[in-house]
Amino acid sequence: MSRLNTEIKGKYRNRVLQVRLQKEIKTQKDLAGRTGIRQSILCDIESNKLFLSSIYALRIVEVLGCSIDDLYEKRI
Protein backbone atom coordinates (compact mmCIF):
# COMPACT_ATOMS: atom_id res chain seq x y z
CA MET A 1 0.00 0.00 0.00
CA SER A 2 1.36 3.40 -0.90
CA ARG A 3 2.12 6.08 1.64
CA LEU A 4 -0.55 8.34 0.13
CA ASN A 5 -3.24 5.65 0.48
CA THR A 6 -2.26 5.12 4.11
CA GLU A 7 -2.47 8.86 4.80
CA ILE A 8 -5.91 9.18 3.19
CA LYS A 9 -7.28 6.16 5.06
CA GLY A 10 -6.02 7.64 8.32
CA LYS A 11 -7.73 10.97 7.71
CA TYR A 12 -11.21 9.80 6.73
CA ARG A 13 -13.87 7.41 7.95
CA ASN A 14 -17.09 6.57 6.19
CA ARG A 15 -20.66 7.39 7.14
CA VAL A 16 -22.38 4.63 5.15
CA LEU A 17 -24.30 3.28 8.15
CA GLN A 18 -25.62 6.72 9.12
CA VAL A 19 -26.65 7.61 5.57
CA ARG A 20 -28.23 4.16 5.00
CA LEU A 21 -30.39 4.53 8.10
CA GLN A 22 -31.21 8.14 7.22
CA LYS A 23 -32.47 6.93 3.82
CA GLU A 24 -34.58 4.33 5.67
CA ILE A 25 -32.80 1.27 4.36
CA LYS A 26 -32.90 -0.73 7.56
CA THR A 27 -30.63 -3.66 6.79
CA GLN A 28 -27.26 -4.31 5.23
CA LYS A 29 -28.88 -7.17 3.37
CA ASP A 30 -31.25 -4.76 1.64
CA LEU A 31 -28.43 -2.39 0.66
CA ALA A 32 -26.34 -5.36 -0.50
CA GLY A 33 -29.15 -6.52 -2.77
CA ARG A 34 -29.58 -3.06 -4.26
CA THR A 35 -25.86 -2.34 -4.79
CA GLY A 36 -24.53 -5.78 -5.66
CA ILE A 37 -21.97 -5.46 -2.86
CA ARG A 38 -21.70 -8.54 -0.62
CA GLN A 39 -23.23 -8.07 2.81
CA SER A 40 -20.00 -9.13 4.52
CA ILE A 41 -18.15 -6.36 2.69
CA LEU A 42 -20.82 -3.82 3.66
CA CYS A 43 -20.48 -4.95 7.27
CA ASP A 44 -16.73 -4.29 7.17
CA ILE A 45 -17.26 -0.93 5.45
CA GLU A 46 -19.91 0.21 7.92
CA SER A 47 -17.72 -0.75 10.88
CA ASN A 48 -14.75 1.03 9.24
CA LYS A 49 -12.71 -2.17 9.13
CA LEU A 50 -12.53 -1.77 5.34
CA PHE A 51 -11.90 1.59 3.69
CA LEU A 52 -14.75 2.71 1.43
CA SER A 53 -13.24 2.60 -2.05
CA SER A 54 -14.48 4.83 -4.85
CA ILE A 55 -15.95 1.83 -6.71
CA TYR A 56 -18.16 0.88 -3.75
CA ALA A 57 -18.91 4.52 -2.95
CA LEU A 58 -20.26 5.10 -6.47
CA ARG A 59 -22.56 2.07 -6.21
CA ILE A 60 -23.83 3.21 -2.81
CA VAL A 61 -24.36 6.81 -3.95
CA GLU A 62 -26.44 5.59 -6.87
CA VAL A 63 -28.74 3.59 -4.59
CA LEU A 64 -28.95 6.03 -1.66
CA GLY A 65 -29.33 9.14 -3.80
CA CYS A 66 -26.71 11.07 -1.86
CA SER A 67 -23.40 12.68 -2.74
CA ILE A 68 -20.01 11.06 -2.29
CA ASP A 69 -19.22 13.79 0.23
CA ASP A 70 -22.11 12.51 2.37
CA LEU A 71 -20.35 9.15 2.72
CA TYR A 72 -17.03 10.42 4.13
CA GLU A 73 -16.19 12.22 7.34
CA LYS A 74 -12.85 13.76 8.19
CA ARG A 75 -11.34 12.39 11.40
CA ILE A 76 -10.41 14.97 13.99
C-alpha atoms as a PDB file:
ATOM      1  CA  MET A   1       0.000   0.000   0.000  1.00  0.00           C
ATOM      2  CA  SER A   2       1.363   3.405  -0.905  1.00  0.00           C
ATOM      3  CA  ARG A   3       2.125   6.081   1.643  1.00  0.00           C
ATOM      4  CA  LEU A   4      -0.555   8.344   0.127  1.00  0.00           C
ATOM      5  CA  ASN A   5      -3.236   5.647   0.482  1.00  0.00           C
ATOM      6  CA  THR A   6      -2.265   5.117   4.113  1.00  0.00           C
ATOM      7  CA  GLU A   7      -2.474   8.863   4.799  1.00  0.00           C
ATOM      8  CA  ILE A   8      -5.910   9.177   3.192  1.00  0.00           C
ATOM      9  CA  LYS A   9      -7.279   6.164   5.063  1.00  0.00           C
ATOM     10  CA  GLY A  10      -6.017   7.642   8.318  1.00  0.00           C
ATOM     11  CA  LYS A  11      -7.735  10.973   7.713  1.00  0.00           C
ATOM     12  CA  TYR A  12     -11.214   9.795   6.729  1.00  0.00           C
ATOM     13  CA  ARG A  13     -13.865   7.415   7.948  1.00  0.00           C
ATOM     14  CA  ASN A  14     -17.093   6.567   6.187  1.00  0.00           C
ATOM     15  CA  ARG A  15     -20.657   7.395   7.143  1.00  0.00           C
ATOM     16  CA  VAL A  16     -22.376   4.628   5.154  1.00  0.00           C
ATOM     17  CA  LEU A  17     -24.297   3.284   8.153  1.00  0.00           C
ATOM     18  CA  GLN A  18     -25.625   6.716   9.116  1.00  0.00           C
ATOM     19  CA  VAL A  19     -26.650   7.605   5.565  1.00  0.00           C
ATOM     20  CA  ARG A  20     -28.229   4.164   4.995  1.00  0.00           C
ATOM     21  CA  LEU A  21     -30.394   4.534   8.098  1.00  0.00           C
ATOM     22  CA  GLN A  22     -31.213   8.137   7.218  1.00  0.00           C
ATOM     23  CA  LYS A  23     -32.469   6.926   3.822  1.00  0.00           C
ATOM     24  CA  GLU A  24     -34.583   4.328   5.675  1.00  0.00           C
ATOM     25  CA  ILE A  25     -32.796   1.269   4.362  1.00  0.00           C
ATOM     26  CA  LYS A  26     -32.897  -0.725   7.563  1.00  0.00           C
ATOM     27  CA  THR A  27     -30.628  -3.657   6.788  1.00  0.00           C
ATOM     28  CA  GLN A  28     -27.255  -4.306   5.229  1.00  0.00           C
ATOM     29  CA  LYS A  29     -28.882  -7.172   3.369  1.00  0.00           C
ATOM     30  CA  ASP A  30     -31.252  -4.757   1.639  1.00  0.00           C
ATOM     31  CA  LEU A  31     -28.427  -2.395   0.660  1.00  0.00           C
ATOM     32  CA  ALA A  32     -26.338  -5.358  -0.503  1.00  0.00           C
ATOM     33  CA  GLY A  33     -29.147  -6.517  -2.772  1.00  0.00           C
ATOM     34  CA  ARG A  34     -29.577  -3.062  -4.262  1.00  0.00           C
ATOM     35  CA  THR A  35     -25.864  -2.343  -4.792  1.00  0.00           C
ATOM     36  CA  GLY A  36     -24.528  -5.780  -5.660  1.00  0.00           C
ATOM     37  CA  ILE A  37     -21.968  -5.460  -2.859  1.00  0.00           C
ATOM     38  CA  ARG A  38     -21.696  -8.536  -0.623  1.00  0.00           C
ATOM     39  CA  GLN A  39     -23.235  -8.073   2.815  1.00  0.00           C
ATOM     40  CA  SER A  40     -20.001  -9.133   4.518  1.00  0.00           C
ATOM     41  CA  ILE A  41     -18.145  -6.358   2.693  1.00  0.00           C
ATOM     42  CA  LEU A  42     -20.818  -3.815   3.664  1.00  0.00           C
ATOM     43  CA  CYS A  43     -20.476  -4.951   7.267  1.00  0.00           C
ATOM     44  CA  ASP A  44     -16.728  -4.285   7.170  1.00  0.00           C
ATOM     45  CA  ILE A  45     -17.257  -0.930   5.451  1.00  0.00           C
ATOM     46  CA  GLU A  46     -19.908   0.211   7.924  1.00  0.00           C
ATOM     47  CA  SER A  47     -17.724  -0.749  10.883  1.00  0.00           C
ATOM     48  CA  ASN A  48     -14.752   1.033   9.237  1.00  0.00           C
ATOM     49  CA  LYS A  49     -12.713  -2.171   9.126  1.00  0.00           C
ATOM     50  CA  LEU A  50     -12.531  -1.766   5.340  1.00  0.00           C
ATOM     51  CA  PHE A  51     -11.898   1.594   3.693  1.00  0.00           C
ATOM     52  CA  LEU A  52     -14.746   2.713   1.431  1.00  0.00           C
ATOM     53  CA  SER A  53     -13.238   2.597  -2.052  1.00  0.00           C
ATOM     54  CA  SER A  54     -14.475   4.826  -4.845  1.00  0.00           C
ATOM     55  CA  ILE A  55     -15.951   1.828  -6.707  1.00  0.00           C
ATOM     56  CA  TYR A  56     -18.160   0.877  -3.752  1.00  0.00           C
ATOM     57  CA  ALA A  57     -18.909   4.524  -2.949  1.00  0.00           C
ATOM     58  CA  LEU A  58     -20.257   5.099  -6.465  1.00  0.00           C
ATOM     59  CA  ARG A  59     -22.560   2.071  -6.214  1.00  0.00           C
ATOM     60  CA  ILE A  60     -23.830   3.210  -2.807  1.00  0.00           C
ATOM     61  CA  VAL A  61     -24.363   6.811  -3.954  1.00  0.00           C
ATOM     62  CA  GLU A  62     -26.437   5.589  -6.872  1.00  0.00           C
ATOM     63  CA  VAL A  63     -28.743   3.594  -4.589  1.00  0.00           C
ATOM     64  CA  LEU A  64     -28.949   6.029  -1.665  1.00  0.00           C
ATOM     65  CA  GLY A  65     -29.334   9.138  -3.801  1.00  0.00           C
ATOM     66  CA  CYS A  66     -26.707  11.072  -1.859  1.00  0.00           C
ATOM     67  CA  SER A  67     -23.398  12.676  -2.742  1.00  0.00           C
ATOM     68  CA  ILE A  68     -20.015  11.057  -2.294  1.00  0.00           C
ATOM     69  CA  ASP A  69     -19.218  13.787   0.233  1.00  0.00           C
ATOM     70  CA  ASP A  70     -22.108  12.511   2.369  1.00  0.00           C
ATOM     71  CA  LEU A  71     -20.349   9.150   2.715  1.00  0.00           C
ATOM     72  CA  TYR A  72     -17.034  10.423   4.127  1.00  0.00           C
ATOM     73  CA  GLU A  73     -16.191  12.218   7.344  1.00  0.00           C
ATOM     74  CA  LYS A  74     -12.845  13.760   8.192  1.00  0.00           C
ATOM     75  CA  ARG A  75     -11.343  12.395  11.396  1.00  0.00           C
ATOM     76  CA  ILE A  76     -10.409  14.971  13.988  1.00  0.00           C
END
